[in-house]
Amino acid sequence: MTATMDLAQLRQEYMRERLDEGDVAVDPITQFRAWFDEAVRAQLAMVNAMSLATASAQGQPSARIVLLKGVDDRGFVFYTHYESRKGRELSENPRASLLAYWIELEREVRIEGSIEKTSADESDAYFATMPAGSRVAAAASVQSTVVTDRAALEKAYADAVQRYGDAPPRPAGWGGYRLIADSIEFWQGRENRLHDRLLYRRRAAGGWEIVRLAP
């Protein structure tokens, strides 16, 4: 008989910081950048790794890690294959959520909103900055499709190298997405699980309102 894992005693107290309404920026993008910059200065590993949650037209959810590659007043940008599972789901249901979790700082940011593709020029510009091996892999792999085995994947990569060298063009089915936020929540762990949660909600007339949520 398989023993049940006892996880009930795995606990952590949160004691580092506080998050007050009077201390945050009026704009959530500004606040996100401030927290992101702190995470960078703290030299956290993979600071731009975020969980992306999508759902199919039937409501089946799925989540995976993506790398945040841009953020400005227009939204939060990541890149992938448009024919991947996430790409198909975003085509069917163009809403998504991003989650950044910086455990060392006892912080998370939840971002929800609508999705649009970046322009071809934006995708081309980012693709050109990628390491050659990553660009070859993007050309060789049809993400999320079934492959026979590892050897078949490596052969596809080798074939792409032979075809393109180290300068493959951006595949037509590869590019960026931008999440246009309508809500952004900042979570700061606090003692006794009385966490600080400040939620920015986009107003219909423009701008943002900030509300505090119970932990």
N, C-alpha and C. Protein backbone atom coordinates (compact mmCIF):
# COMPACT_ATOMS: atom_id res chain seq x y z
N MET A 1 0.85 -1.20 0.00
CA MET A 1 0.00 0.00 0.00
C MET A 1 0.89 1.24 0.00
N THR A 2 0.53 2.19 -0.83
CA THR A 2 1.29 3.43 -0.91
C THR A 2 0.99 4.31 0.28
N ALA A 3 2.02 4.81 0.96
CA ALA A 3 1.82 5.67 2.12
C ALA A 3 1.33 7.04 1.67
N THR A 4 0.42 7.62 2.43
CA THR A 4 -0.08 8.95 2.15
C THR A 4 0.95 9.99 2.60
N MET A 5 1.22 10.95 1.75
CA MET A 5 2.15 12.01 2.12
C MET A 5 1.50 12.92 3.16
N ASP A 6 2.19 13.17 4.26
CA ASP A 6 1.67 14.04 5.31
C ASP A 6 2.17 15.46 5.05
N LEU A 7 1.30 16.28 4.52
CA LEU A 7 1.66 17.66 4.19
C LEU A 7 1.08 18.68 5.16
N ALA A 8 0.31 18.20 6.13
CA ALA A 8 -0.43 19.12 7.00
C ALA A 8 0.49 20.01 7.82
N GLN A 9 1.69 19.53 8.12
CA GLN A 9 2.58 20.30 8.99
C GLN A 9 3.55 21.20 8.21
N LEU A 10 3.43 21.22 6.90
CA LEU A 10 4.29 22.10 6.10
C LEU A 10 3.72 23.52 6.16
N ARG A 11 4.36 24.35 6.96
CA ARG A 11 3.85 25.71 7.16
C ARG A 11 5.01 26.70 7.11
N GLN A 12 4.65 27.93 6.78
CA GLN A 12 5.63 29.02 6.80
C GLN A 12 4.95 30.27 7.32
N GLU A 13 5.63 30.96 8.23
CA GLU A 13 5.11 32.24 8.70
C GLU A 13 5.66 33.35 7.82
N TYR A 14 4.84 34.35 7.55
CA TYR A 14 5.21 35.46 6.67
C TYR A 14 5.45 36.71 7.52
N MET A 15 6.67 37.22 7.46
CA MET A 15 7.05 38.28 8.39
C MET A 15 7.80 39.45 7.73
N ARG A 16 7.98 39.45 6.41
CA ARG A 16 8.94 40.36 5.80
C ARG A 16 8.44 41.80 5.66
N GLU A 17 7.27 41.98 5.02
CA GLU A 17 6.86 43.32 4.63
C GLU A 17 5.37 43.53 4.92
N ARG A 18 4.91 44.75 4.64
CA ARG A 18 3.49 45.07 4.68
C ARG A 18 3.12 45.79 3.40
N LEU A 19 1.84 45.86 3.12
CA LEU A 19 1.35 46.50 1.89
C LEU A 19 0.14 47.34 2.25
N ASP A 20 0.32 48.66 2.24
CA ASP A 20 -0.74 49.59 2.64
C ASP A 20 -1.20 50.43 1.46
N GLU A 21 -2.46 50.79 1.49
CA GLU A 21 -3.03 51.58 0.41
C GLU A 21 -2.28 52.89 0.19
N GLY A 22 -1.82 53.49 1.27
CA GLY A 22 -1.14 54.78 1.15
C GLY A 22 0.26 54.70 0.58
N ASP A 23 0.80 53.48 0.46
CA ASP A 23 2.17 53.32 0.01
C ASP A 23 2.30 52.86 -1.45
N VAL A 24 1.19 52.50 -2.09
CA VAL A 24 1.27 51.95 -3.44
C VAL A 24 1.02 53.03 -4.48
N ALA A 25 1.46 52.75 -5.70
CA ALA A 25 1.23 53.67 -6.82
C ALA A 25 -0.25 53.67 -7.20
N VAL A 26 -0.73 54.76 -7.77
CA VAL A 26 -2.12 54.83 -8.19
C VAL A 26 -2.36 53.99 -9.44
N ASP A 27 -1.28 53.68 -10.16
CA ASP A 27 -1.38 52.88 -11.38
C ASP A 27 -0.74 51.51 -11.13
N PRO A 28 -1.44 50.41 -11.44
CA PRO A 28 -0.89 49.08 -11.13
C PRO A 28 0.34 48.71 -11.95
N ILE A 29 0.48 49.26 -13.16
CA ILE A 29 1.67 48.96 -13.95
C ILE A 29 2.91 49.54 -13.26
N THR A 30 2.77 50.75 -12.74
CA THR A 30 3.86 51.36 -11.99
C THR A 30 4.19 50.54 -10.76
N GLN A 31 3.16 50.06 -10.06
CA GLN A 31 3.38 49.25 -8.87
C GLN A 31 4.03 47.91 -9.23
N PHE A 32 3.59 47.32 -10.34
CA PHE A 32 4.20 46.06 -10.78
C PHE A 32 5.68 46.26 -11.08
N ARG A 33 6.00 47.32 -11.78
CA ARG A 33 7.40 47.57 -12.12
C ARG A 33 8.24 47.75 -10.86
N ALA A 34 7.69 48.42 -9.85
CA ALA A 34 8.42 48.62 -8.60
C ALA A 34 8.71 47.29 -7.93
N TRP A 35 7.70 46.42 -7.86
CA TRP A 35 7.91 45.10 -7.26
C TRP A 35 8.85 44.25 -8.11
N PHE A 36 8.70 44.31 -9.42
CA PHE A 36 9.57 43.53 -10.31
C PHE A 36 11.02 43.97 -10.15
N ASP A 37 11.24 45.28 -10.08
CA ASP A 37 12.60 45.79 -9.91
C ASP A 37 13.19 45.31 -8.58
N GLU A 38 12.37 45.25 -7.53
CA GLU A 38 12.85 44.74 -6.25
C GLU A 38 13.24 43.27 -6.36
N ALA A 39 12.45 42.51 -7.09
CA ALA A 39 12.77 41.09 -7.29
C ALA A 39 14.07 40.92 -8.07
N VAL A 40 14.29 41.79 -9.06
CA VAL A 40 15.54 41.75 -9.82
C VAL A 40 16.72 42.08 -8.91
N ARG A 41 16.58 43.13 -8.10
CA ARG A 41 17.67 43.51 -7.20
C ARG A 41 17.96 42.42 -6.17
N ALA A 42 16.93 41.66 -5.81
CA ALA A 42 17.12 40.55 -4.88
C ALA A 42 17.77 39.34 -5.55
N GLN A 43 18.00 39.42 -6.85
CA GLN A 43 18.66 38.38 -7.63
C GLN A 43 17.91 37.05 -7.55
N LEU A 44 16.59 37.13 -7.67
CA LEU A 44 15.79 35.91 -7.65
C LEU A 44 15.96 35.17 -8.98
N ALA A 45 15.95 33.86 -8.90
CA ALA A 45 16.08 33.04 -10.11
C ALA A 45 14.81 33.15 -10.95
N MET A 46 14.98 33.24 -12.27
CA MET A 46 13.85 33.27 -13.21
C MET A 46 12.78 34.26 -12.75
N VAL A 47 13.20 35.48 -12.50
CA VAL A 47 12.30 36.47 -11.92
C VAL A 47 11.10 36.76 -12.82
N ASN A 48 11.26 36.54 -14.13
CA ASN A 48 10.17 36.83 -15.06
C ASN A 48 9.33 35.61 -15.39
N ALA A 49 9.52 34.50 -14.67
CA ALA A 49 8.69 33.31 -14.89
C ALA A 49 7.31 33.52 -14.26
N MET A 50 6.27 33.28 -15.05
CA MET A 50 4.91 33.48 -14.58
C MET A 50 4.04 32.30 -15.01
N SER A 51 3.08 31.97 -14.18
CA SER A 51 2.11 30.94 -14.53
C SER A 51 1.01 31.56 -15.39
N LEU A 52 0.78 30.98 -16.56
CA LEU A 52 -0.28 31.45 -17.45
C LEU A 52 -1.43 30.45 -17.42
N ALA A 53 -2.60 30.93 -17.05
CA ALA A 53 -3.80 30.08 -17.02
C ALA A 53 -4.72 30.47 -18.17
N THR A 54 -5.16 29.45 -18.91
CA THR A 54 -6.10 29.64 -20.01
C THR A 54 -7.23 28.64 -19.84
N ALA A 55 -8.24 28.76 -20.67
CA ALA A 55 -9.34 27.80 -20.66
C ALA A 55 -9.86 27.61 -22.07
N SER A 56 -10.28 26.39 -22.36
CA SER A 56 -10.84 26.09 -23.67
C SER A 56 -12.25 26.67 -23.78
N ALA A 57 -12.83 26.58 -24.97
CA ALA A 57 -14.20 27.03 -25.17
C ALA A 57 -15.17 26.26 -24.30
N GLN A 58 -14.81 25.03 -23.91
CA GLN A 58 -15.66 24.19 -23.06
C GLN A 58 -15.42 24.44 -21.58
N GLY A 59 -14.47 25.33 -21.26
CA GLY A 59 -14.20 25.66 -19.88
C GLY A 59 -13.14 24.82 -19.20
N GLN A 60 -12.44 23.96 -19.96
CA GLN A 60 -11.38 23.14 -19.38
C GLN A 60 -10.15 24.02 -19.13
N PRO A 61 -9.74 24.19 -17.88
CA PRO A 61 -8.59 25.05 -17.60
C PRO A 61 -7.27 24.33 -17.79
N SER A 62 -6.22 25.09 -18.02
CA SER A 62 -4.86 24.55 -18.03
C SER A 62 -3.91 25.69 -17.66
N ALA A 63 -2.76 25.31 -17.12
CA ALA A 63 -1.78 26.30 -16.69
C ALA A 63 -0.39 25.80 -17.02
N ARG A 64 0.52 26.74 -17.25
CA ARG A 64 1.90 26.43 -17.54
C ARG A 64 2.72 27.69 -17.27
N ILE A 65 4.05 27.50 -17.21
CA ILE A 65 4.93 28.64 -16.98
C ILE A 65 5.34 29.25 -18.32
N VAL A 66 5.25 30.58 -18.39
CA VAL A 66 5.78 31.32 -19.53
C VAL A 66 6.72 32.40 -18.99
N LEU A 67 7.51 32.99 -19.86
CA LEU A 67 8.42 34.05 -19.45
C LEU A 67 7.87 35.40 -19.91
N LEU A 68 7.71 36.29 -18.96
CA LEU A 68 7.27 37.65 -19.28
C LEU A 68 8.39 38.35 -20.04
N LYS A 69 8.07 38.88 -21.22
CA LYS A 69 9.08 39.49 -22.07
C LYS A 69 8.84 40.97 -22.33
N GLY A 70 7.79 41.52 -21.77
CA GLY A 70 7.55 42.94 -21.92
C GLY A 70 6.38 43.38 -21.07
N VAL A 71 6.44 44.60 -20.54
CA VAL A 71 5.32 45.17 -19.82
C VAL A 71 5.35 46.68 -20.00
N ASP A 72 4.21 47.22 -20.38
CA ASP A 72 4.06 48.67 -20.49
C ASP A 72 2.59 48.98 -20.29
N ASP A 73 2.19 50.21 -20.57
CA ASP A 73 0.80 50.62 -20.33
C ASP A 73 -0.19 49.83 -21.17
N ARG A 74 0.28 49.18 -22.24
CA ARG A 74 -0.62 48.38 -23.07
C ARG A 74 -0.87 47.00 -22.49
N GLY A 75 0.07 46.46 -21.69
CA GLY A 75 -0.16 45.15 -21.12
C GLY A 75 1.11 44.36 -20.91
N PHE A 76 0.93 43.04 -20.73
CA PHE A 76 2.00 42.11 -20.37
C PHE A 76 2.22 41.14 -21.54
N VAL A 77 3.46 41.02 -22.01
CA VAL A 77 3.74 40.32 -23.25
C VAL A 77 4.54 39.03 -23.00
N PHE A 78 4.13 37.96 -23.68
CA PHE A 78 4.90 36.72 -23.72
C PHE A 78 4.81 36.16 -25.13
N TYR A 79 5.71 35.21 -25.46
CA TYR A 79 5.79 34.67 -26.81
C TYR A 79 5.67 33.16 -26.79
N THR A 80 5.10 32.60 -27.86
CA THR A 80 4.88 31.16 -27.93
C THR A 80 4.46 30.77 -29.34
N HIS A 81 4.16 29.49 -29.52
CA HIS A 81 3.59 29.01 -30.78
C HIS A 81 2.07 29.22 -30.76
N TYR A 82 1.55 29.80 -31.82
CA TYR A 82 0.11 30.05 -31.88
C TYR A 82 -0.70 28.76 -31.99
N GLU A 83 -0.08 27.68 -32.46
CA GLU A 83 -0.79 26.41 -32.60
C GLU A 83 -0.58 25.49 -31.39
N SER A 84 0.09 25.96 -30.36
CA SER A 84 0.24 25.19 -29.13
C SER A 84 -1.11 25.10 -28.42
N ARG A 85 -1.17 24.30 -27.36
CA ARG A 85 -2.43 24.21 -26.63
C ARG A 85 -2.87 25.57 -26.12
N LYS A 86 -1.95 26.34 -25.54
CA LYS A 86 -2.32 27.64 -25.03
C LYS A 86 -2.80 28.55 -26.16
N GLY A 87 -2.12 28.44 -27.33
CA GLY A 87 -2.52 29.26 -28.46
C GLY A 87 -3.91 28.92 -28.95
N ARG A 88 -4.21 27.62 -29.02
CA ARG A 88 -5.54 27.21 -29.45
C ARG A 88 -6.60 27.68 -28.45
N GLU A 89 -6.29 27.55 -27.16
CA GLU A 89 -7.26 27.98 -26.16
C GLU A 89 -7.47 29.49 -26.17
N LEU A 90 -6.39 30.24 -26.38
CA LEU A 90 -6.53 31.69 -26.45
C LEU A 90 -7.31 32.13 -27.68
N SER A 91 -7.25 31.33 -28.75
CA SER A 91 -8.06 31.61 -29.93
C SER A 91 -9.54 31.38 -29.64
N GLU A 92 -9.82 30.31 -28.91
CA GLU A 92 -11.21 29.98 -28.58
C GLU A 92 -11.78 30.90 -27.50
N ASN A 93 -10.93 31.27 -26.55
CA ASN A 93 -11.38 32.00 -25.37
C ASN A 93 -10.30 33.02 -25.02
N PRO A 94 -10.34 34.22 -25.62
CA PRO A 94 -9.23 35.17 -25.50
C PRO A 94 -9.21 35.94 -24.17
N ARG A 95 -9.27 35.19 -23.08
CA ARG A 95 -9.06 35.74 -21.76
C ARG A 95 -8.09 34.83 -21.01
N ALA A 96 -7.30 35.43 -20.11
CA ALA A 96 -6.28 34.64 -19.44
C ALA A 96 -5.89 35.30 -18.13
N SER A 97 -5.08 34.57 -17.36
CA SER A 97 -4.55 35.07 -16.10
C SER A 97 -3.07 34.76 -16.03
N LEU A 98 -2.30 35.71 -15.53
CA LEU A 98 -0.89 35.52 -15.24
C LEU A 98 -0.66 35.61 -13.74
N LEU A 99 0.24 34.79 -13.22
CA LEU A 99 0.57 34.81 -11.80
C LEU A 99 2.07 34.84 -11.63
N ALA A 100 2.58 35.90 -10.99
CA ALA A 100 3.98 35.96 -10.59
C ALA A 100 4.06 35.61 -9.11
N TYR A 101 5.02 34.75 -8.73
CA TYR A 101 5.16 34.34 -7.35
C TYR A 101 6.63 34.43 -6.96
N TRP A 102 6.93 35.36 -6.08
CA TRP A 102 8.28 35.58 -5.62
C TRP A 102 8.35 35.19 -4.14
N ILE A 103 8.51 33.91 -3.89
CA ILE A 103 8.41 33.37 -2.54
C ILE A 103 9.43 33.99 -1.61
N GLU A 104 10.64 34.30 -2.11
CA GLU A 104 11.66 34.87 -1.25
C GLU A 104 11.24 36.22 -0.68
N LEU A 105 10.39 36.94 -1.41
CA LEU A 105 9.88 38.24 -0.96
C LEU A 105 8.47 38.11 -0.37
N GLU A 106 7.95 36.88 -0.34
CA GLU A 106 6.60 36.61 0.18
C GLU A 106 5.57 37.46 -0.55
N ARG A 107 5.66 37.45 -1.90
CA ARG A 107 4.78 38.28 -2.73
C ARG A 107 4.27 37.48 -3.91
N GLU A 108 3.07 37.84 -4.35
CA GLU A 108 2.57 37.36 -5.62
C GLU A 108 1.75 38.46 -6.27
N VAL A 109 1.64 38.39 -7.59
CA VAL A 109 0.82 39.32 -8.37
C VAL A 109 -0.06 38.50 -9.29
N ARG A 110 -1.37 38.75 -9.22
CA ARG A 110 -2.33 38.07 -10.08
C ARG A 110 -2.88 39.07 -11.09
N ILE A 111 -2.78 38.72 -12.37
CA ILE A 111 -3.16 39.63 -13.45
C ILE A 111 -4.20 38.94 -14.31
N GLU A 112 -5.35 39.55 -14.50
CA GLU A 112 -6.42 38.97 -15.30
C GLU A 112 -6.87 39.95 -16.36
N GLY A 113 -7.23 39.43 -17.54
CA GLY A 113 -7.71 40.31 -18.58
C GLY A 113 -7.89 39.62 -19.91
N SER A 114 -7.99 40.43 -20.94
CA SER A 114 -8.20 39.93 -22.30
C SER A 114 -6.86 39.80 -23.01
N ILE A 115 -6.89 39.03 -24.10
CA ILE A 115 -5.67 38.71 -24.84
C ILE A 115 -5.77 39.19 -26.28
N GLU A 116 -4.66 39.74 -26.77
CA GLU A 116 -4.53 40.04 -28.19
C GLU A 116 -3.14 39.63 -28.64
N LYS A 117 -2.99 39.37 -29.94
CA LYS A 117 -1.66 39.08 -30.48
C LYS A 117 -0.86 40.37 -30.62
N THR A 118 0.45 40.27 -30.42
CA THR A 118 1.30 41.40 -30.73
C THR A 118 1.38 41.54 -32.25
N SER A 119 1.87 42.68 -32.70
CA SER A 119 2.02 42.88 -34.13
C SER A 119 3.14 41.99 -34.67
N ALA A 120 3.12 41.74 -35.98
CA ALA A 120 4.18 40.96 -36.62
C ALA A 120 5.54 41.62 -36.41
N ASP A 121 5.57 42.97 -36.45
CA ASP A 121 6.83 43.68 -36.25
C ASP A 121 7.37 43.44 -34.84
N GLU A 122 6.49 43.46 -33.85
CA GLU A 122 6.95 43.19 -32.48
C GLU A 122 7.48 41.77 -32.35
N SER A 123 6.77 40.82 -32.95
CA SER A 123 7.20 39.42 -32.88
C SER A 123 8.53 39.24 -33.60
N ASP A 124 8.68 39.87 -34.76
CA ASP A 124 9.94 39.78 -35.50
C ASP A 124 11.09 40.36 -34.67
N ALA A 125 10.84 41.49 -34.04
CA ALA A 125 11.90 42.16 -33.28
C ALA A 125 12.35 41.29 -32.11
N TYR A 126 11.40 40.68 -31.39
CA TYR A 126 11.79 39.83 -30.28
C TYR A 126 12.48 38.56 -30.78
N PHE A 127 11.94 37.95 -31.82
CA PHE A 127 12.53 36.71 -32.36
C PHE A 127 14.00 36.92 -32.72
N ALA A 128 14.31 38.09 -33.24
CA ALA A 128 15.69 38.37 -33.66
C ALA A 128 16.65 38.44 -32.48
N THR A 129 16.13 38.67 -31.27
CA THR A 129 16.99 38.76 -30.08
C THR A 129 17.26 37.39 -29.45
N MET A 130 16.53 36.36 -29.86
CA MET A 130 16.66 35.05 -29.23
C MET A 130 17.96 34.36 -29.63
N PRO A 131 18.51 33.51 -28.74
CA PRO A 131 19.69 32.72 -29.13
C PRO A 131 19.39 31.89 -30.37
N ALA A 132 20.41 31.63 -31.17
CA ALA A 132 20.21 30.91 -32.43
C ALA A 132 19.56 29.55 -32.20
N GLY A 133 19.98 28.83 -31.16
CA GLY A 133 19.40 27.51 -30.90
C GLY A 133 17.92 27.58 -30.59
N SER A 134 17.50 28.61 -29.88
CA SER A 134 16.08 28.76 -29.58
C SER A 134 15.28 29.07 -30.83
N ARG A 135 15.86 29.87 -31.73
CA ARG A 135 15.16 30.18 -32.97
C ARG A 135 15.04 28.94 -33.85
N VAL A 136 16.09 28.13 -33.89
CA VAL A 136 16.02 26.88 -34.65
C VAL A 136 14.95 25.97 -34.05
N ALA A 137 14.91 25.88 -32.72
CA ALA A 137 13.91 25.03 -32.08
C ALA A 137 12.50 25.49 -32.38
N ALA A 138 12.28 26.80 -32.43
CA ALA A 138 10.95 27.32 -32.76
C ALA A 138 10.54 26.92 -34.17
N ALA A 139 11.52 26.88 -35.08
CA ALA A 139 11.24 26.48 -36.47
C ALA A 139 11.04 24.97 -36.59
N ALA A 140 11.71 24.20 -35.71
CA ALA A 140 11.68 22.75 -35.85
C ALA A 140 10.51 22.09 -35.14
N SER A 141 10.03 22.70 -34.07
CA SER A 141 9.04 22.05 -33.21
C SER A 141 7.65 22.63 -33.43
N VAL A 142 6.68 21.77 -33.64
CA VAL A 142 5.28 22.20 -33.67
C VAL A 142 4.74 21.94 -32.26
N GLN A 143 4.80 22.96 -31.43
CA GLN A 143 4.58 22.80 -30.00
C GLN A 143 3.24 22.13 -29.67
N SER A 144 3.28 21.22 -28.71
CA SER A 144 2.14 20.49 -28.17
C SER A 144 1.65 19.35 -29.04
N THR A 145 2.23 19.15 -30.24
CA THR A 145 1.85 18.00 -31.06
C THR A 145 2.61 16.77 -30.58
N VAL A 146 2.06 15.59 -30.87
CA VAL A 146 2.68 14.33 -30.46
C VAL A 146 3.89 14.04 -31.35
N VAL A 147 5.01 13.66 -30.72
CA VAL A 147 6.20 13.22 -31.46
C VAL A 147 6.47 11.76 -31.10
N THR A 148 7.05 11.03 -32.03
CA THR A 148 7.28 9.60 -31.84
C THR A 148 8.19 9.33 -30.66
N ASP A 149 9.31 10.04 -30.60
CA ASP A 149 10.28 9.86 -29.53
C ASP A 149 11.27 11.01 -29.57
N ARG A 150 12.24 10.99 -28.65
CA ARG A 150 13.23 12.05 -28.59
C ARG A 150 14.05 12.13 -29.87
N ALA A 151 14.36 10.96 -30.45
CA ALA A 151 15.16 10.94 -31.67
C ALA A 151 14.47 11.70 -32.80
N ALA A 152 13.15 11.57 -32.89
CA ALA A 152 12.41 12.28 -33.94
C ALA A 152 12.49 13.78 -33.73
N LEU A 153 12.44 14.21 -32.46
CA LEU A 153 12.55 15.63 -32.16
C LEU A 153 13.93 16.16 -32.52
N GLU A 154 14.95 15.41 -32.18
CA GLU A 154 16.31 15.84 -32.49
C GLU A 154 16.58 15.85 -34.00
N LYS A 155 15.96 14.91 -34.73
CA LYS A 155 16.10 14.90 -36.18
C LYS A 155 15.45 16.14 -36.79
N ALA A 156 14.28 16.51 -36.28
CA ALA A 156 13.61 17.72 -36.78
C ALA A 156 14.48 18.95 -36.54
N TYR A 157 15.15 18.98 -35.40
CA TYR A 157 16.05 20.10 -35.09
C TYR A 157 17.23 20.10 -36.06
N ALA A 158 17.83 18.92 -36.27
CA ALA A 158 18.96 18.83 -37.19
C ALA A 158 18.56 19.22 -38.60
N ASP A 159 17.37 18.81 -39.03
CA ASP A 159 16.89 19.18 -40.36
C ASP A 159 16.72 20.69 -40.48
N ALA A 160 16.24 21.33 -39.39
CA ALA A 160 16.07 22.79 -39.42
C ALA A 160 17.42 23.49 -39.48
N VAL A 161 18.41 22.94 -38.78
CA VAL A 161 19.76 23.52 -38.86
C VAL A 161 20.28 23.42 -40.28
N GLN A 162 20.07 22.29 -40.92
CA GLN A 162 20.55 22.10 -42.28
C GLN A 162 19.84 23.04 -43.25
N ARG A 163 18.57 23.27 -43.00
CA ARG A 163 17.77 24.12 -43.90
C ARG A 163 18.09 25.60 -43.70
N TYR A 164 18.24 26.02 -42.43
CA TYR A 164 18.33 27.46 -42.15
C TYR A 164 19.69 27.91 -41.61
N GLY A 165 20.55 26.97 -41.24
CA GLY A 165 21.77 27.37 -40.54
C GLY A 165 21.41 27.94 -39.18
N ASP A 166 22.08 29.00 -38.80
CA ASP A 166 21.76 29.62 -37.50
C ASP A 166 20.91 30.88 -37.65
N ALA A 167 20.25 31.01 -38.81
CA ALA A 167 19.43 32.21 -39.04
C ALA A 167 18.06 31.84 -39.60
N PRO A 168 17.27 31.04 -38.86
CA PRO A 168 15.94 30.70 -39.36
C PRO A 168 15.00 31.91 -39.28
N PRO A 169 14.08 32.04 -40.23
CA PRO A 169 13.09 33.11 -40.14
C PRO A 169 12.07 32.79 -39.05
N ARG A 170 11.40 33.81 -38.56
CA ARG A 170 10.35 33.56 -37.57
C ARG A 170 9.23 32.76 -38.22
N PRO A 171 8.86 31.60 -37.65
CA PRO A 171 7.75 30.84 -38.22
C PRO A 171 6.46 31.65 -38.18
N ALA A 172 5.63 31.48 -39.18
CA ALA A 172 4.37 32.22 -39.24
C ALA A 172 3.49 31.90 -38.04
N GLY A 173 3.63 30.69 -37.50
CA GLY A 173 2.80 30.28 -36.37
C GLY A 173 3.42 30.54 -35.02
N TRP A 174 4.38 31.42 -34.96
CA TRP A 174 5.07 31.74 -33.70
C TRP A 174 5.04 33.25 -33.51
N GLY A 175 4.70 33.69 -32.30
CA GLY A 175 4.66 35.13 -32.06
C GLY A 175 4.22 35.46 -30.65
N GLY A 176 3.86 36.70 -30.46
CA GLY A 176 3.57 37.18 -29.12
C GLY A 176 2.10 37.36 -28.83
N TYR A 177 1.81 37.36 -27.53
CA TYR A 177 0.50 37.71 -27.01
C TYR A 177 0.67 38.83 -26.00
N ARG A 178 -0.35 39.66 -25.91
CA ARG A 178 -0.38 40.73 -24.91
C ARG A 178 -1.63 40.56 -24.05
N LEU A 179 -1.43 40.45 -22.73
CA LEU A 179 -2.57 40.41 -21.82
C LEU A 179 -2.88 41.83 -21.39
N ILE A 180 -4.09 42.28 -21.72
CA ILE A 180 -4.55 43.63 -21.38
C ILE A 180 -5.34 43.51 -20.08
N ALA A 181 -4.74 43.96 -18.99
CA ALA A 181 -5.31 43.70 -17.67
C ALA A 181 -6.56 44.53 -17.40
N ASP A 182 -7.56 43.88 -16.79
CA ASP A 182 -8.67 44.63 -16.22
C ASP A 182 -8.69 44.52 -14.70
N SER A 183 -7.84 43.62 -14.14
CA SER A 183 -7.64 43.58 -12.69
C SER A 183 -6.24 43.06 -12.39
N ILE A 184 -5.61 43.64 -11.38
CA ILE A 184 -4.28 43.23 -10.94
C ILE A 184 -4.27 43.24 -9.42
N GLU A 185 -3.99 42.08 -8.83
CA GLU A 185 -3.96 41.98 -7.37
C GLU A 185 -2.53 41.79 -6.88
N PHE A 186 -2.17 42.58 -5.87
CA PHE A 186 -0.87 42.47 -5.22
C PHE A 186 -1.06 41.85 -3.84
N TRP A 187 -0.33 40.76 -3.59
CA TRP A 187 -0.46 39.99 -2.36
C TRP A 187 0.86 40.01 -1.61
N GLN A 188 0.82 40.42 -0.36
CA GLN A 188 2.00 40.41 0.50
C GLN A 188 1.71 39.54 1.71
N GLY A 189 2.52 38.50 1.90
CA GLY A 189 2.32 37.62 3.04
C GLY A 189 2.51 38.37 4.36
N ARG A 190 1.63 38.07 5.34
CA ARG A 190 1.71 38.72 6.65
C ARG A 190 1.56 37.69 7.77
N GLU A 191 1.95 38.08 8.94
CA GLU A 191 1.91 37.21 10.11
C GLU A 191 0.49 36.74 10.41
N ASN A 192 0.37 35.50 10.88
CA ASN A 192 -0.91 34.90 11.27
C ASN A 192 -1.89 34.78 10.11
N ARG A 193 -1.35 34.74 8.90
CA ARG A 193 -2.16 34.61 7.69
C ARG A 193 -3.09 35.82 7.45
N LEU A 194 -2.82 36.93 8.11
CA LEU A 194 -3.58 38.16 7.84
C LEU A 194 -2.88 38.90 6.70
N HIS A 195 -2.87 38.27 5.55
CA HIS A 195 -2.13 38.79 4.40
C HIS A 195 -2.73 40.10 3.90
N ASP A 196 -1.87 40.94 3.31
CA ASP A 196 -2.33 42.15 2.63
C ASP A 196 -2.63 41.82 1.18
N ARG A 197 -3.85 42.16 0.74
CA ARG A 197 -4.25 41.94 -0.64
C ARG A 197 -4.89 43.22 -1.17
N LEU A 198 -4.22 43.87 -2.09
CA LEU A 198 -4.75 45.07 -2.71
C LEU A 198 -5.06 44.78 -4.17
N LEU A 199 -6.31 45.02 -4.55
CA LEU A 199 -6.79 44.72 -5.90
C LEU A 199 -7.06 46.02 -6.65
N TYR A 200 -6.41 46.15 -7.80
CA TYR A 200 -6.70 47.25 -8.72
C TYR A 200 -7.74 46.77 -9.72
N ARG A 201 -8.83 47.52 -9.85
CA ARG A 201 -9.87 47.19 -10.82
C ARG A 201 -10.02 48.36 -11.80
N ARG A 202 -10.01 48.03 -13.08
CA ARG A 202 -10.12 49.07 -14.10
C ARG A 202 -11.53 49.66 -14.12
N ARG A 203 -11.63 50.97 -14.06
CA ARG A 203 -12.93 51.63 -14.12
C ARG A 203 -13.40 51.75 -15.56
N ALA A 204 -14.69 51.65 -15.77
CA ALA A 204 -15.25 51.78 -17.12
C ALA A 204 -14.95 53.16 -17.70
N ALA A 205 -14.92 54.17 -16.84
CA ALA A 205 -14.68 55.54 -17.30
C ALA A 205 -13.20 55.86 -17.43
N GLY A 206 -12.35 54.89 -17.09
CA GLY A 206 -10.91 55.10 -17.16
C GLY A 206 -10.28 55.14 -15.79
N GLY A 207 -9.03 54.82 -15.71
CA GLY A 207 -8.33 54.80 -14.44
C GLY A 207 -8.61 53.53 -13.65
N TRP A 208 -8.15 53.51 -12.42
CA TRP A 208 -8.24 52.32 -11.59
C TRP A 208 -8.77 52.68 -10.20
N GLU A 209 -9.48 51.75 -9.61
CA GLU A 209 -9.82 51.85 -8.20
C GLU A 209 -9.05 50.77 -7.45
N ILE A 210 -8.72 51.04 -6.20
CA ILE A 210 -7.98 50.10 -5.37
C ILE A 210 -8.87 49.69 -4.20
N VAL A 211 -9.03 48.38 -4.02
CA VAL A 211 -9.80 47.86 -2.90
C VAL A 211 -8.94 46.84 -2.15
N ARG A 212 -9.22 46.69 -0.87
CA ARG A 212 -8.53 45.69 -0.06
C ARG A 212 -9.42 44.45 0.05
N LEU A 213 -8.80 43.30 -0.13
CA LEU A 213 -9.53 42.03 -0.02
C LEU A 213 -9.16 41.34 1.28
N ALA A 214 -10.10 40.63 1.86
CA ALA A 214 -9.82 39.81 3.03
C ALA A 214 -8.86 38.69 2.64
N PRO A 215 -7.94 38.31 3.52
CA PRO A 215 -6.98 37.26 3.19
C PRO A 215 -7.64 35.89 3.15
